[in-house]
Amino acid sequence: MNIAQVEDFLVKSGKANPSLVVRIRADKAVPWDQVYQVADVCANNSIKVSFRPNRRGRDDRIQKKCLVGSMILHSVLGVTLLFGPAFLSHEPPGPPVLQVVPDSDHITDDATHGGSRAVQAPPPQPPPQPQPQAQMSRHFPCRGWQRRG
């Protein structure tokens, strides 16, 4: 847009809305002669003007810092995922090793649980003898089961 188009637009908008406020935001990169021209158009047509500095420079620095930080963290994550498994053990762990420490106060040759020494355990029972079994067979023609032997 050139300055004539901006002036036409501001005049129409000012007539439609008498409480119109034009907010001009600019930084060092904007040609200030154009900013002054827009401010003069507003002043000649009774339109309020508000100047606000553009914080783009500060926002750009914060964005760049966040981008760099994000790239670093993602790089560390990628390196960890690629090379991390190389440091893992491929052998399953063995059973845990238990170390037994003897307690010299409780080591004895005597029976350590109650009861009388005079009582003897009953003698073991002899195993039962297997009983001979009769064998059955079937003879043809259809006489039924018969005992052998």
N, C-alpha and C. Protein backbone atom coordinates (compact mmCIF):
# COMPACT_ATOMS: atom_id res chain seq x y z
N MET A 1 0.85 -1.18 0.00
CA MET A 1 0.00 0.00 0.00
C MET A 1 0.90 1.24 0.00
N ASN A 2 0.49 2.22 -0.75
CA ASN A 2 1.21 3.48 -0.69
C ASN A 2 0.54 4.40 0.32
N ILE A 3 1.11 5.57 0.55
CA ILE A 3 0.60 6.46 1.60
C ILE A 3 -0.78 7.00 1.27
N ALA A 4 -1.11 7.17 -0.03
CA ALA A 4 -2.44 7.67 -0.42
C ALA A 4 -3.51 6.62 -0.09
N GLN A 5 -3.21 5.36 -0.33
CA GLN A 5 -4.18 4.30 -0.01
C GLN A 5 -4.35 4.19 1.50
N VAL A 6 -3.27 4.31 2.26
CA VAL A 6 -3.37 4.26 3.72
C VAL A 6 -4.21 5.42 4.22
N GLU A 7 -4.03 6.64 3.63
CA GLU A 7 -4.81 7.81 4.07
C GLU A 7 -6.29 7.60 3.78
N ASP A 8 -6.64 7.11 2.58
CA ASP A 8 -8.05 6.85 2.26
C ASP A 8 -8.67 5.85 3.24
N PHE A 9 -7.94 4.79 3.51
CA PHE A 9 -8.44 3.77 4.45
C PHE A 9 -8.64 4.36 5.85
N LEU A 10 -7.68 5.16 6.32
CA LEU A 10 -7.80 5.73 7.67
C LEU A 10 -8.94 6.73 7.75
N VAL A 11 -9.15 7.54 6.71
CA VAL A 11 -10.25 8.53 6.72
C VAL A 11 -11.59 7.81 6.77
N LYS A 12 -11.77 6.78 5.94
CA LYS A 12 -13.04 6.01 5.96
C LYS A 12 -13.25 5.34 7.31
N SER A 13 -12.21 4.73 7.86
CA SER A 13 -12.33 4.05 9.16
C SER A 13 -12.60 5.04 10.28
N GLY A 14 -11.98 6.25 10.20
CA GLY A 14 -12.20 7.27 11.24
C GLY A 14 -13.61 7.80 11.22
N LYS A 15 -14.22 7.93 10.04
CA LYS A 15 -15.61 8.39 9.95
C LYS A 15 -16.57 7.32 10.45
N ALA A 16 -16.24 6.05 10.19
CA ALA A 16 -17.12 4.95 10.64
C ALA A 16 -17.00 4.73 12.15
N ASN A 17 -15.82 4.99 12.69
CA ASN A 17 -15.62 4.76 14.12
C ASN A 17 -14.87 5.97 14.70
N PRO A 18 -15.59 6.89 15.33
CA PRO A 18 -14.95 8.11 15.83
C PRO A 18 -13.95 7.83 16.97
N SER A 19 -14.03 6.69 17.65
CA SER A 19 -13.09 6.39 18.73
C SER A 19 -11.93 5.50 18.24
N LEU A 20 -11.63 5.58 16.95
CA LEU A 20 -10.57 4.78 16.34
C LEU A 20 -9.21 5.21 16.89
N VAL A 21 -8.38 4.22 17.24
CA VAL A 21 -7.02 4.47 17.69
C VAL A 21 -6.10 3.64 16.79
N VAL A 22 -5.12 4.32 16.16
CA VAL A 22 -4.16 3.64 15.31
C VAL A 22 -2.93 3.35 16.15
N ARG A 23 -2.58 2.10 16.23
CA ARG A 23 -1.40 1.70 16.99
C ARG A 23 -0.28 1.39 16.01
N ILE A 24 0.78 2.11 16.15
CA ILE A 24 1.92 1.94 15.25
C ILE A 24 3.01 1.22 16.00
N ARG A 25 3.37 0.06 15.48
CA ARG A 25 4.45 -0.72 16.08
C ARG A 25 5.55 -0.84 15.04
N ALA A 26 6.74 -0.46 15.42
CA ALA A 26 7.85 -0.50 14.47
C ALA A 26 9.15 -0.71 15.25
N ASP A 27 10.15 -1.20 14.53
CA ASP A 27 11.47 -1.36 15.13
C ASP A 27 12.48 -0.58 14.31
N LYS A 28 13.74 -0.79 14.56
CA LYS A 28 14.79 -0.01 13.89
C LYS A 28 14.84 -0.26 12.39
N ALA A 29 14.36 -1.39 11.93
CA ALA A 29 14.45 -1.73 10.51
C ALA A 29 13.41 -1.02 9.65
N VAL A 30 12.36 -0.43 10.26
CA VAL A 30 11.30 0.23 9.51
C VAL A 30 11.78 1.63 9.10
N PRO A 31 11.54 2.04 7.84
CA PRO A 31 11.87 3.41 7.44
C PRO A 31 10.96 4.41 8.17
N TRP A 32 11.56 5.25 9.03
CA TRP A 32 10.78 6.11 9.92
C TRP A 32 10.05 7.22 9.17
N ASP A 33 10.48 7.56 7.97
CA ASP A 33 9.75 8.61 7.24
C ASP A 33 8.33 8.14 6.93
N GLN A 34 8.13 6.84 6.68
CA GLN A 34 6.78 6.32 6.44
C GLN A 34 5.96 6.34 7.73
N VAL A 35 6.60 6.06 8.84
CA VAL A 35 5.90 6.11 10.13
C VAL A 35 5.43 7.53 10.40
N TYR A 36 6.27 8.54 10.12
CA TYR A 36 5.88 9.93 10.33
C TYR A 36 4.76 10.34 9.40
N GLN A 37 4.77 9.83 8.18
CA GLN A 37 3.70 10.17 7.23
C GLN A 37 2.36 9.63 7.73
N VAL A 38 2.35 8.40 8.25
CA VAL A 38 1.10 7.82 8.77
C VAL A 38 0.65 8.60 10.00
N ALA A 39 1.58 9.00 10.86
CA ALA A 39 1.22 9.78 12.04
C ALA A 39 0.65 11.14 11.65
N ASP A 40 1.20 11.78 10.59
CA ASP A 40 0.66 13.06 10.12
C ASP A 40 -0.75 12.90 9.56
N VAL A 41 -1.00 11.84 8.81
CA VAL A 41 -2.35 11.59 8.28
C VAL A 41 -3.33 11.46 9.43
N CYS A 42 -2.96 10.72 10.46
CA CYS A 42 -3.85 10.54 11.62
C CYS A 42 -4.08 11.87 12.33
N ALA A 43 -3.05 12.67 12.50
CA ALA A 43 -3.20 13.95 13.20
C ALA A 43 -4.07 14.91 12.40
N ASN A 44 -3.95 14.93 11.08
CA ASN A 44 -4.76 15.83 10.23
C ASN A 44 -6.22 15.42 10.20
N ASN A 45 -6.54 14.15 10.50
CA ASN A 45 -7.93 13.67 10.45
C ASN A 45 -8.48 13.36 11.83
N SER A 46 -7.87 13.88 12.87
CA SER A 46 -8.33 13.73 14.28
C SER A 46 -8.43 12.27 14.70
N ILE A 47 -7.46 11.48 14.32
CA ILE A 47 -7.42 10.06 14.71
C ILE A 47 -6.30 9.92 15.74
N LYS A 48 -6.62 9.28 16.84
CA LYS A 48 -5.63 9.09 17.91
C LYS A 48 -4.57 8.10 17.45
N VAL A 49 -3.33 8.35 17.88
CA VAL A 49 -2.20 7.49 17.50
C VAL A 49 -1.53 7.00 18.77
N SER A 50 -1.17 5.75 18.77
CA SER A 50 -0.44 5.15 19.90
C SER A 50 0.81 4.49 19.33
N PHE A 51 1.96 4.91 19.86
CA PHE A 51 3.23 4.32 19.43
C PHE A 51 3.64 3.23 20.41
N ARG A 52 3.91 2.07 19.89
CA ARG A 52 4.39 0.97 20.73
C ARG A 52 5.63 0.40 20.09
N PRO A 53 6.66 0.21 20.85
CA PRO A 53 7.86 -0.39 20.24
C PRO A 53 7.59 -1.86 19.92
N ASN A 54 8.18 -2.30 18.86
CA ASN A 54 8.03 -3.70 18.48
C ASN A 54 9.06 -4.52 19.26
N ARG A 55 8.60 -5.52 19.93
CA ARG A 55 9.49 -6.35 20.75
C ARG A 55 10.02 -7.53 19.95
N ARG A 56 9.98 -7.41 18.69
CA ARG A 56 10.38 -8.52 17.84
C ARG A 56 11.83 -8.94 18.08
N GLY A 57 12.71 -7.98 18.29
CA GLY A 57 14.11 -8.32 18.54
C GLY A 57 14.27 -9.21 19.76
N ARG A 58 13.60 -8.88 20.84
CA ARG A 58 13.68 -9.69 22.06
C ARG A 58 13.01 -11.05 21.84
N ASP A 59 11.87 -11.05 21.17
CA ASP A 59 11.17 -12.31 20.91
C ASP A 59 11.99 -13.21 20.01
N ASP A 60 12.69 -12.62 19.04
CA ASP A 60 13.52 -13.43 18.15
C ASP A 60 14.65 -14.10 18.93
N ARG A 61 15.25 -13.35 19.86
CA ARG A 61 16.34 -13.94 20.65
C ARG A 61 15.84 -15.10 21.50
N ILE A 62 14.67 -14.93 22.10
CA ILE A 62 14.11 -16.00 22.93
C ILE A 62 13.78 -17.21 22.06
N GLN A 63 13.20 -16.94 20.88
CA GLN A 63 12.89 -18.06 19.98
C GLN A 63 14.14 -18.80 19.55
N LYS A 64 15.20 -18.06 19.24
CA LYS A 64 16.44 -18.70 18.82
C LYS A 64 17.03 -19.53 19.96
N LYS A 65 16.98 -19.00 21.18
CA LYS A 65 17.50 -19.75 22.33
C LYS A 65 16.71 -21.03 22.55
N CYS A 66 15.39 -20.94 22.44
CA CYS A 66 14.55 -22.13 22.61
C CYS A 66 14.81 -23.14 21.50
N LEU A 67 14.98 -22.66 20.28
CA LEU A 67 15.25 -23.56 19.16
C LEU A 67 16.58 -24.27 19.35
N VAL A 68 17.61 -23.53 19.74
CA VAL A 68 18.93 -24.14 19.96
C VAL A 68 18.86 -25.15 21.11
N GLY A 69 18.20 -24.78 22.20
CA GLY A 69 18.06 -25.72 23.33
C GLY A 69 17.31 -26.98 22.93
N SER A 70 16.25 -26.83 22.17
CA SER A 70 15.48 -27.99 21.72
C SER A 70 16.32 -28.88 20.81
N MET A 71 17.10 -28.26 19.92
CA MET A 71 17.94 -29.05 19.03
C MET A 71 19.00 -29.83 19.82
N ILE A 72 19.58 -29.19 20.82
CA ILE A 72 20.59 -29.87 21.64
C ILE A 72 19.98 -31.05 22.38
N LEU A 73 18.83 -30.84 23.01
CA LEU A 73 18.19 -31.93 23.76
C LEU A 73 17.78 -33.07 22.83
N HIS A 74 17.25 -32.75 21.66
CA HIS A 74 16.88 -33.81 20.73
C HIS A 74 18.11 -34.55 20.21
N SER A 75 19.20 -33.85 20.02
CA SER A 75 20.44 -34.51 19.59
C SER A 75 20.94 -35.48 20.65
N VAL A 76 20.91 -35.05 21.91
CA VAL A 76 21.35 -35.93 23.00
C VAL A 76 20.44 -37.16 23.08
N LEU A 77 19.15 -36.97 22.90
CA LEU A 77 18.23 -38.10 22.92
C LEU A 77 18.52 -39.06 21.77
N GLY A 78 18.77 -38.52 20.58
CA GLY A 78 19.08 -39.37 19.43
C GLY A 78 20.37 -40.15 19.63
N VAL A 79 21.40 -39.51 20.15
CA VAL A 79 22.68 -40.19 20.40
C VAL A 79 22.48 -41.27 21.46
N THR A 80 21.69 -40.97 22.47
CA THR A 80 21.43 -41.97 23.52
C THR A 80 20.72 -43.18 22.95
N LEU A 81 19.74 -42.95 22.09
CA LEU A 81 19.00 -44.08 21.50
C LEU A 81 19.87 -44.89 20.54
N LEU A 82 20.79 -44.23 19.83
CA LEU A 82 21.63 -44.95 18.89
C LEU A 82 22.74 -45.73 19.58
N PHE A 83 23.43 -45.10 20.51
CA PHE A 83 24.62 -45.71 21.10
C PHE A 83 24.38 -46.28 22.49
N GLY A 84 23.25 -46.02 23.10
CA GLY A 84 22.96 -46.53 24.44
C GLY A 84 22.93 -48.05 24.53
N PRO A 85 22.31 -48.75 23.57
CA PRO A 85 22.28 -50.21 23.66
C PRO A 85 23.66 -50.86 23.59
N ALA A 86 24.66 -50.16 23.09
CA ALA A 86 26.01 -50.73 23.03
C ALA A 86 26.59 -50.94 24.43
N PHE A 87 26.12 -50.21 25.40
CA PHE A 87 26.64 -50.31 26.76
C PHE A 87 25.85 -51.27 27.63
N LEU A 88 24.81 -51.88 27.09
CA LEU A 88 24.01 -52.83 27.85
C LEU A 88 24.67 -54.21 27.82
N SER A 89 24.48 -54.97 28.86
CA SER A 89 25.01 -56.33 28.93
C SER A 89 24.09 -57.26 28.15
N HIS A 90 24.70 -58.14 27.34
CA HIS A 90 23.90 -59.07 26.56
C HIS A 90 23.70 -60.40 27.27
N GLU A 91 24.41 -60.64 28.35
CA GLU A 91 24.29 -61.89 29.08
C GLU A 91 23.28 -61.71 30.21
N PRO A 92 22.40 -62.70 30.39
CA PRO A 92 21.46 -62.57 31.51
C PRO A 92 22.23 -62.71 32.82
N PRO A 93 21.79 -62.03 33.83
CA PRO A 93 22.50 -62.13 35.12
C PRO A 93 22.32 -63.53 35.72
N GLY A 94 23.37 -64.01 36.36
CA GLY A 94 23.32 -65.33 37.00
C GLY A 94 22.55 -65.26 38.31
N PRO A 95 22.42 -66.42 38.96
CA PRO A 95 21.71 -66.41 40.24
C PRO A 95 22.52 -65.62 41.27
N PRO A 96 21.84 -65.06 42.24
CA PRO A 96 22.56 -64.28 43.24
C PRO A 96 23.46 -65.19 44.08
N VAL A 97 24.59 -64.68 44.46
CA VAL A 97 25.54 -65.42 45.27
C VAL A 97 25.23 -65.12 46.73
N LEU A 98 25.00 -66.18 47.49
CA LEU A 98 24.72 -66.04 48.92
C LEU A 98 25.96 -66.42 49.71
N GLN A 99 26.31 -65.60 50.65
CA GLN A 99 27.47 -65.88 51.48
C GLN A 99 26.96 -66.28 52.86
N VAL A 100 27.36 -67.45 53.31
CA VAL A 100 26.92 -67.96 54.60
C VAL A 100 28.01 -67.66 55.62
N VAL A 101 27.61 -66.97 56.67
CA VAL A 101 28.56 -66.65 57.75
C VAL A 101 28.18 -67.52 58.94
N PRO A 102 29.09 -68.43 59.36
CA PRO A 102 28.74 -69.30 60.49
C PRO A 102 28.69 -68.51 61.79
N ASP A 103 27.78 -68.92 62.64
CA ASP A 103 27.65 -68.31 63.96
C ASP A 103 28.19 -69.32 64.97
N SER A 104 29.36 -69.05 65.54
CA SER A 104 30.03 -70.03 66.39
C SER A 104 29.31 -70.29 67.70
N ASP A 105 28.40 -69.44 68.11
CA ASP A 105 27.67 -69.65 69.37
C ASP A 105 26.62 -70.74 69.24
N HIS A 106 26.15 -71.03 68.03
CA HIS A 106 25.05 -71.98 67.87
C HIS A 106 25.47 -73.28 67.20
N ILE A 107 26.74 -73.46 66.92
CA ILE A 107 27.18 -74.71 66.31
C ILE A 107 27.41 -75.72 67.42
N THR A 108 26.65 -76.82 67.37
CA THR A 108 26.77 -77.87 68.39
C THR A 108 26.72 -79.23 67.72
N ASP A 109 27.16 -80.26 68.48
CA ASP A 109 27.05 -81.63 67.99
C ASP A 109 25.80 -82.30 68.56
N ASP A 110 25.18 -81.70 69.54
CA ASP A 110 24.01 -82.29 70.19
C ASP A 110 22.74 -81.92 69.42
N ALA A 111 21.67 -82.63 69.76
CA ALA A 111 20.37 -82.30 69.17
C ALA A 111 19.96 -80.93 69.69
N THR A 112 19.49 -80.08 68.82
CA THR A 112 19.17 -78.72 69.24
C THR A 112 17.69 -78.50 69.49
N HIS A 113 16.89 -79.49 69.23
CA HIS A 113 15.46 -79.33 69.46
C HIS A 113 15.03 -80.29 70.55
N GLY A 114 13.89 -79.97 71.17
CA GLY A 114 13.42 -80.69 72.34
C GLY A 114 13.21 -82.18 72.14
N GLY A 115 12.82 -82.85 73.22
CA GLY A 115 12.60 -84.28 73.20
C GLY A 115 13.55 -84.96 74.17
N SER A 116 13.30 -86.19 74.42
CA SER A 116 14.12 -86.94 75.36
C SER A 116 15.06 -87.84 74.58
N ARG A 117 16.29 -88.02 75.10
CA ARG A 117 17.22 -88.93 74.45
C ARG A 117 16.85 -90.39 74.70
N ALA A 118 16.06 -90.64 75.72
CA ALA A 118 15.69 -92.02 76.04
C ALA A 118 14.67 -92.57 75.05
N VAL A 119 13.93 -91.75 74.40
CA VAL A 119 12.91 -92.21 73.47
C VAL A 119 13.59 -92.49 72.14
N GLN A 120 13.38 -93.70 71.66
CA GLN A 120 13.95 -94.11 70.39
C GLN A 120 12.87 -94.04 69.32
N ALA A 121 13.30 -93.75 68.13
CA ALA A 121 12.37 -93.73 67.01
C ALA A 121 11.95 -95.15 66.68
N PRO A 122 10.71 -95.37 66.26
CA PRO A 122 10.27 -96.72 65.93
C PRO A 122 11.06 -97.24 64.73
N PRO A 123 11.30 -98.57 64.69
CA PRO A 123 12.05 -99.13 63.56
C PRO A 123 11.25 -98.95 62.27
N PRO A 124 11.94 -98.85 61.17
CA PRO A 124 11.22 -98.65 59.91
C PRO A 124 10.44 -99.90 59.52
N GLN A 125 9.29 -99.70 58.90
CA GLN A 125 8.42 -100.79 58.45
C GLN A 125 9.01 -101.39 57.19
N PRO A 126 8.99 -102.74 57.08
CA PRO A 126 9.46 -103.33 55.83
C PRO A 126 8.46 -103.00 54.71
N PRO A 127 8.94 -102.84 53.50
CA PRO A 127 8.02 -102.52 52.40
C PRO A 127 7.09 -103.69 52.13
N PRO A 128 5.85 -103.46 51.75
CA PRO A 128 4.91 -104.56 51.49
C PRO A 128 5.34 -105.36 50.27
N GLN A 129 5.12 -106.68 50.34
CA GLN A 129 5.46 -107.59 49.24
C GLN A 129 4.36 -107.53 48.19
N PRO A 130 4.72 -107.47 46.92
CA PRO A 130 3.68 -107.44 45.89
C PRO A 130 2.98 -108.79 45.78
N GLN A 131 1.68 -108.79 45.58
CA GLN A 131 0.86 -110.00 45.45
C GLN A 131 0.87 -110.44 43.99
N PRO A 132 0.99 -111.73 43.72
CA PRO A 132 0.91 -112.20 42.34
C PRO A 132 -0.52 -112.01 41.82
N GLN A 133 -0.62 -111.61 40.60
CA GLN A 133 -1.94 -111.37 40.02
C GLN A 133 -2.20 -112.40 38.93
N ALA A 134 -3.45 -112.77 38.82
CA ALA A 134 -3.84 -113.71 37.77
C ALA A 134 -3.95 -112.96 36.47
N GLN A 135 -3.50 -113.63 35.39
CA GLN A 135 -3.58 -113.00 34.09
C GLN A 135 -4.80 -113.51 33.35
N MET A 136 -5.43 -112.62 32.63
CA MET A 136 -6.64 -112.96 31.90
C MET A 136 -6.32 -112.89 30.40
N SER A 137 -6.91 -113.78 29.63
CA SER A 137 -6.76 -113.71 28.18
C SER A 137 -8.07 -114.08 27.53
N ARG A 138 -8.18 -113.76 26.29
CA ARG A 138 -9.42 -114.06 25.58
C ARG A 138 -9.10 -115.08 24.50
N HIS A 139 -9.88 -116.11 24.47
CA HIS A 139 -9.68 -117.15 23.47
C HIS A 139 -10.80 -117.07 22.46
N PHE A 140 -10.46 -117.39 21.24
CA PHE A 140 -11.45 -117.39 20.17
C PHE A 140 -11.93 -118.81 19.98
N PRO A 141 -13.03 -119.07 19.57
CA PRO A 141 -14.18 -118.26 19.22
C PRO A 141 -15.02 -117.96 20.44
N CYS A 142 -15.15 -116.78 20.81
CA CYS A 142 -16.04 -116.14 21.78
C CYS A 142 -16.40 -116.99 22.97
N ARG A 143 -15.46 -117.44 23.70
CA ARG A 143 -15.77 -118.21 24.92
C ARG A 143 -15.78 -117.30 26.13
N GLY A 144 -15.44 -116.06 25.92
CA GLY A 144 -15.40 -115.15 27.05
C GLY A 144 -14.03 -115.14 27.67
N TRP A 145 -13.93 -114.53 28.82
CA TRP A 145 -12.65 -114.43 29.52
C TRP A 145 -12.39 -115.70 30.28
N GLN A 146 -11.17 -116.16 30.20
CA GLN A 146 -10.78 -117.33 30.94
C GLN A 146 -9.51 -117.04 31.71
N ARG A 147 -9.37 -117.73 32.83
CA ARG A 147 -8.16 -117.56 33.63
C ARG A 147 -7.08 -118.48 33.15
N ARG A 148 -5.89 -117.91 33.15
CA ARG A 148 -4.73 -118.74 32.84
C ARG A 148 -4.05 -119.08 34.12
N GLY A 149 -3.41 -120.13 34.04
CA GLY A 149 -2.51 -120.41 35.01
C GLY A 149 -2.68 -121.01 36.23
